[in-house]
Protein backbone atom coordinates (compact mmCIF):
# COMPACT_ATOMS: atom_id res chain seq x y z
CA MET A 1 -54.34 76.63 57.36
CA PRO A 2 -51.83 77.06 54.51
CA GLN A 3 -51.03 74.11 52.30
CA SER A 4 -47.77 72.40 53.16
CA GLY A 5 -46.92 70.61 49.90
CA PHE A 6 -43.76 71.56 48.07
CA TYR A 7 -45.44 73.48 45.25
CA ALA A 8 -47.58 75.46 47.71
CA LYS A 9 -44.41 76.42 49.60
CA ALA A 10 -42.66 77.39 46.36
CA ARG A 11 -45.60 79.58 45.29
CA ARG A 12 -45.64 81.28 48.71
CA GLY A 13 -41.89 81.88 48.49
CA MET A 14 -42.03 83.57 45.10
CA SER A 15 -43.18 86.88 46.56
CA ALA A 16 -40.22 86.88 48.99
CA THR A 17 -37.88 86.07 46.11
CA ILE A 18 -39.11 89.05 44.12
CA ALA A 19 -39.03 91.26 47.23
CA GLN A 20 -35.42 90.31 47.92
CA TRP A 21 -34.44 91.05 44.31
CA ARG A 22 -36.19 94.43 44.49
CA ARG A 23 -34.38 95.26 47.76
CA LEU A 24 -30.96 94.28 46.48
CA GLY A 25 -31.56 95.82 43.06
CA GLN A 26 -31.89 99.21 44.75
CA GLY A 27 -33.27 100.89 41.66
CA ASP A 28 -36.28 102.75 40.47
CA PRO A 29 -39.24 100.33 40.64
CA ASP A 30 -40.23 100.89 36.99
CA ARG A 31 -36.63 100.29 35.88
CA LEU A 32 -36.40 97.10 37.97
CA ALA A 33 -39.65 95.87 36.40
CA LEU A 34 -38.24 96.57 32.93
CA ILE A 35 -34.99 94.75 33.79
CA LEU A 36 -36.97 91.76 35.05
CA ALA A 37 -39.10 91.52 31.88
CA GLU A 38 -36.23 92.12 29.45
CA THR A 39 -34.01 89.60 31.23
CA ALA A 40 -36.81 87.03 31.02
CA ARG A 41 -37.04 87.59 27.27
CA VAL A 42 -33.30 87.63 26.56
CA ALA A 43 -32.45 84.67 28.82
CA ARG A 44 -35.51 82.77 27.55
CA LEU A 45 -36.94 82.35 31.04
CA GLY A 46 -40.40 83.31 29.90
CA ASP A 47 -42.25 85.55 27.52
CA PRO A 48 -44.00 88.34 29.40
CA GLU A 49 -47.06 89.53 27.50
CA ALA A 50 -46.31 93.06 28.68
CA THR A 51 -43.62 94.76 30.69
CA PRO A 52 -44.89 95.29 34.24
CA ASP A 53 -44.55 98.61 35.99
CA GLY A 54 -43.10 99.30 39.41
CA LYS A 55 -46.47 99.07 41.12
CA THR A 56 -47.03 95.61 39.70
CA LEU A 57 -43.58 94.53 40.84
CA GLU A 58 -44.35 95.88 44.31
CA ALA A 59 -47.65 93.96 44.36
CA TRP A 60 -45.84 90.75 43.43
CA SER A 61 -43.52 91.34 46.40
CA GLN A 62 -46.39 91.15 48.90
CA SER A 63 -46.80 87.90 50.80
CA ASP A 64 -50.42 87.55 49.67
CA ALA A 65 -49.52 87.76 45.94
CA GLY A 66 -49.39 83.95 45.64
CA ASP A 67 -50.74 82.76 42.34
CA ASP A 68 -50.83 86.31 40.90
CA ILE A 69 -47.07 86.13 40.31
CA PRO A 70 -46.28 84.91 36.80
CA LEU A 71 -43.75 82.10 36.75
CA TRP A 72 -41.45 84.03 34.39
CA ALA A 73 -41.09 86.78 37.04
CA ALA A 74 -40.09 84.37 39.81
CA ARG A 75 -37.77 82.44 37.49
CA THR A 76 -36.08 85.64 36.39
CA ALA A 77 -35.74 87.07 39.90
CA THR A 78 -34.12 83.79 40.99
CA PHE A 79 -31.82 83.85 37.96
CA LEU A 80 -30.71 87.40 38.80
CA LEU A 81 -30.33 86.76 42.55
CA MET A 82 -28.14 83.71 42.00
CA GLN A 83 -25.72 85.80 39.94
CA MET A 84 -25.47 88.79 42.27
CA PRO A 85 -22.04 89.53 43.72
CA ALA A 86 -23.74 90.11 47.09
CA ARG A 87 -24.36 86.34 47.19
CA PRO A 88 -27.89 86.51 48.59
CA VAL A 89 -29.54 83.44 50.07
CA PRO A 90 -33.19 82.54 50.68
CA GLN A 91 -34.53 83.94 53.94
CA SER A 92 -37.13 81.25 54.68
CA ASP A 93 -38.05 77.66 53.87
CA ASP A 94 -40.77 78.86 51.47
CA GLU A 95 -38.32 81.13 49.67
CA ALA A 96 -35.77 78.28 49.45
CA CYS A 97 -38.46 76.14 47.83
CA ALA A 98 -39.16 78.93 45.33
CA TRP A 99 -35.48 79.24 44.47
CA ALA A 100 -35.11 75.47 44.07
CA TYR A 101 -38.26 75.21 41.94
CA CYS A 102 -37.03 78.01 39.68
CA TRP A 103 -33.51 76.55 39.57
CA LEU A 104 -34.89 73.35 38.08
CA ARG A 105 -37.18 75.26 35.69
CA ASN A 106 -34.34 77.51 34.50
CA ARG A 107 -31.92 74.73 33.55
CA ASP A 108 -31.96 71.10 32.46
CA PHE A 109 -30.35 68.54 34.72
CA ALA A 110 -29.95 64.81 34.23
CA SER A 111 -30.23 64.08 37.95
CA VAL A 112 -30.85 65.69 41.31
CA ASP A 113 -27.15 65.29 42.10
CA ASP A 114 -26.27 67.25 38.95
CA ALA A 115 -28.74 69.98 39.96
CA ARG A 116 -27.21 70.22 43.43
CA ALA A 117 -23.63 70.20 42.14
CA ALA A 118 -24.38 73.03 39.70
CA LEU A 119 -25.61 75.38 42.45
CA PRO A 120 -23.45 78.46 42.98
CA ASP A 121 -20.93 77.93 45.80
CA HIS A 122 -22.74 80.20 48.26
CA LEU A 123 -25.92 78.12 47.88
CA GLN A 124 -24.32 74.68 48.19
CA GLU A 125 -25.24 74.47 51.89
CA LYS A 126 -28.51 76.42 51.73
CA LEU A 127 -30.44 74.69 48.93
CA PRO A 128 -29.62 70.96 48.67
CA HIS A 129 -32.69 69.87 50.63
CA ALA A 130 -35.00 72.22 48.73
CA VAL A 131 -33.53 71.09 45.39
CA GLY A 132 -34.22 67.49 46.41
CA ALA A 133 -37.82 68.36 47.25
CA ALA A 134 -38.19 70.28 43.97
CA TRP A 135 -36.77 67.31 42.07
CA ALA A 136 -39.19 64.91 43.76
CA ASP A 137 -42.09 67.26 43.00
CA ARG A 138 -41.05 67.54 39.35
CA GLN A 139 -40.59 63.78 39.00
CA GLY A 140 -44.01 63.20 40.56
CA LEU A 141 -45.62 65.44 37.95
CA ARG A 142 -44.12 63.34 35.16
CA LEU A 143 -46.22 60.41 36.33
CA VAL A 144 -49.47 62.27 35.66
């Protein structure tokens, strides 16, 4: 039975996030992997040790990838998806949790209300609950 906690859902949703970005990116897999790594570096969303290749990106898109996906890759895919003119949205609860988790990791917010208000317009109705859950998860970790 899969774990049902917020972080477990977010980790499960990261593969779907990367898969959606790959689908909408519609490019050569090696080029998409390069774009993902270079965007992570330039936008300071992570520091990939090496640039992945297309096969690695494809592996990260599989639902069983789970903890094999580096956080920088999920953060960067979310960053890119949220800026796409196609205005994509998460396709599942797990993917929404991944987007919300990455949203809070990608930017600093003073409050959960600020985090919700800063969401792109097309995500205002899709992510408020997930952002609240991500906020609660993040706040809970501060107590440790």
